Amino acid sequence: MPKNLPASDNLREVLAYNIRVARVTRGWSQEDLALECELDRTYVSAVERARWNVSLSNIERFALALGLEPWTLLKPPF
């Protein structure tokens, strides 16, 4: 689980935090999530570290794989 909450005004950090929490809650590795999303594991890693901007279609892929509504991945966790 991430130790620090993301800054609420940084959507990349919020997205990274929410994806990681959802993934870890399901007991999935980054590779498991990548397989579910049909994305590369290194891409999932970069997204979880808030290194890349993510397209809307990939936000949707993450959400569908995690069983979430896409908008919930962009909602600050507080």
C-alpha atoms as a PDB file:
ATOM      1  CA  MET A   1       0.000   0.000   0.000  1.00  0.00           C
ATOM      2  CA  PRO A   2       1.216   3.532  -0.698  1.00  0.00           C
ATOM      3  CA  LYS A   3       2.467   5.272   2.430  1.00  0.00           C
ATOM      4  CA  ASN A   4       1.622   8.857   1.498  1.00  0.00           C
ATOM      5  CA  LEU A   5      -1.563  10.345   0.137  1.00  0.00           C
ATOM      6  CA  PRO A   6      -1.198  12.128  -3.191  1.00  0.00           C
ATOM      7  CA  ALA A   7      -1.591  15.874  -3.594  1.00  0.00           C
ATOM      8  CA  SER A   8      -5.264  16.403  -4.421  1.00  0.00           C
ATOM      9  CA  ASP A   9      -4.397  18.862  -7.196  1.00  0.00           C
ATOM     10  CA  ASN A  10      -2.046  16.448  -9.011  1.00  0.00           C
ATOM     11  CA  LEU A  11      -4.202  14.109 -11.106  1.00  0.00           C
ATOM     12  CA  ARG A  12      -1.266  11.927 -12.150  1.00  0.00           C
ATOM     13  CA  GLU A  13      -0.437  11.266  -8.487  1.00  0.00           C
ATOM     14  CA  VAL A  14      -4.105  10.658  -7.649  1.00  0.00           C
ATOM     15  CA  LEU A  15      -4.457   8.224 -10.554  1.00  0.00           C
ATOM     16  CA  ALA A  16      -1.226   6.439  -9.600  1.00  0.00           C
ATOM     17  CA  TYR A  17      -2.317   6.130  -5.966  1.00  0.00           C
ATOM     18  CA  ASN A  18      -5.810   4.857  -6.795  1.00  0.00           C
ATOM     19  CA  ILE A  19      -4.571   2.288  -9.299  1.00  0.00           C
ATOM     20  CA  ARG A  20      -1.968   0.964  -6.887  1.00  0.00           C
ATOM     21  CA  VAL A  21      -4.424   0.738  -3.969  1.00  0.00           C
ATOM     22  CA  ALA A  22      -6.979  -1.092  -6.126  1.00  0.00           C
ATOM     23  CA  ARG A  23      -4.327  -3.451  -7.496  1.00  0.00           C
ATOM     24  CA  VAL A  24      -2.812  -4.283  -4.103  1.00  0.00           C
ATOM     25  CA  THR A  25      -6.280  -4.716  -2.566  1.00  0.00           C
ATOM     26  CA  ARG A  26      -6.956  -7.420  -5.166  1.00  0.00           C
ATOM     27  CA  GLY A  27      -3.636  -9.089  -4.431  1.00  0.00           C
ATOM     28  CA  TRP A  28      -2.411  -8.479  -7.970  1.00  0.00           C
ATOM     29  CA  SER A  29       1.144  -7.813  -9.069  1.00  0.00           C
ATOM     30  CA  GLN A  30       1.834  -5.125 -11.648  1.00  0.00           C
ATOM     31  CA  GLU A  31       2.261  -7.933 -14.141  1.00  0.00           C
ATOM     32  CA  ASP A  32      -1.192  -9.319 -13.277  1.00  0.00           C
ATOM     33  CA  LEU A  33      -2.751  -5.899 -13.854  1.00  0.00           C
ATOM     34  CA  ALA A  34      -0.818  -5.441 -17.085  1.00  0.00           C
ATOM     35  CA  LEU A  35      -2.127  -8.773 -18.382  1.00  0.00           C
ATOM     36  CA  GLU A  36      -5.708  -7.847 -17.454  1.00  0.00           C
ATOM     37  CA  CYS A  37      -5.362  -4.472 -19.198  1.00  0.00           C
ATOM     38  CA  GLU A  38      -3.385  -5.837 -22.143  1.00  0.00           C
ATOM     39  CA  LEU A  39      -0.641  -3.282 -21.418  1.00  0.00           C
ATOM     40  CA  ASP A  40       3.067  -3.677 -20.797  1.00  0.00           C
ATOM     41  CA  ARG A  41       4.194  -4.159 -17.183  1.00  0.00           C
ATOM     42  CA  THR A  42       6.736  -1.355 -17.507  1.00  0.00           C
ATOM     43  CA  TYR A  43       3.900   0.975 -18.541  1.00  0.00           C
ATOM     44  CA  VAL A  44       1.859  -0.025 -15.473  1.00  0.00           C
ATOM     45  CA  SER A  45       4.921   0.617 -13.312  1.00  0.00           C
ATOM     46  CA  ALA A  46       5.473   4.061 -14.840  1.00  0.00           C
ATOM     47  CA  VAL A  47       1.800   4.975 -14.368  1.00  0.00           C
ATOM     48  CA  GLU A  48       1.894   3.875 -10.707  1.00  0.00           C
ATOM     49  CA  ARG A  49       4.939   6.097 -10.201  1.00  0.00           C
ATOM     50  CA  ALA A  50       3.090   9.047 -11.848  1.00  0.00           C
ATOM     51  CA  ARG A  51       5.789   9.267 -14.531  1.00  0.00           C
ATOM     52  CA  TRP A  52       3.547   9.366 -17.607  1.00  0.00           C
ATOM     53  CA  ASN A  53       0.410  11.111 -18.703  1.00  0.00           C
ATOM     54  CA  VAL A  54      -2.266   8.489 -19.307  1.00  0.00           C
ATOM     55  CA  SER A  55      -4.811   8.571 -22.128  1.00  0.00           C
ATOM     56  CA  LEU A  56      -8.512   8.353 -21.358  1.00  0.00           C
ATOM     57  CA  SER A  57      -8.695   5.017 -23.124  1.00  0.00           C
ATOM     58  CA  ASN A  58      -5.999   3.589 -20.844  1.00  0.00           C
ATOM     59  CA  ILE A  59      -7.712   4.989 -17.746  1.00  0.00           C
ATOM     60  CA  GLU A  60     -10.783   3.107 -18.952  1.00  0.00           C
ATOM     61  CA  ARG A  61      -8.710  -0.072 -19.441  1.00  0.00           C
ATOM     62  CA  PHE A  62      -7.371   0.159 -15.885  1.00  0.00           C
ATOM     63  CA  ALA A  63     -10.831   0.791 -14.472  1.00  0.00           C
ATOM     64  CA  LEU A  64     -12.474  -2.087 -16.341  1.00  0.00           C
ATOM     65  CA  ALA A  65      -9.711  -4.493 -15.310  1.00  0.00           C
ATOM     66  CA  LEU A  66     -10.080  -3.391 -11.681  1.00  0.00           C
ATOM     67  CA  GLY A  67     -13.897  -3.482 -11.746  1.00  0.00           C
ATOM     68  CA  LEU A  68     -14.225   0.250 -11.117  1.00  0.00           C
ATOM     69  CA  GLU A  69     -15.869   3.228 -12.779  1.00  0.00           C
ATOM     70  CA  PRO A  70     -13.174   5.208 -14.629  1.00  0.00           C
ATOM     71  CA  TRP A  71     -13.957   8.473 -12.820  1.00  0.00           C
ATOM     72  CA  THR A  72     -13.173   6.880  -9.445  1.00  0.00           C
ATOM     73  CA  LEU A  73      -9.523   6.547 -10.442  1.00  0.00           C
ATOM     74  CA  LEU A  74      -9.285  10.349 -10.679  1.00  0.00           C
ATOM     75  CA  LYS A  75     -11.046  11.111  -7.394  1.00  0.00           C
ATOM     76  CA  PRO A  76      -8.722  12.194  -4.572  1.00  0.00           C
ATOM     77  CA  PRO A  77      -8.784   9.584  -1.793  1.00  0.00           C
ATOM     78  CA  PHE A  78      -9.823  11.962   1.012  1.00  0.00           C
END
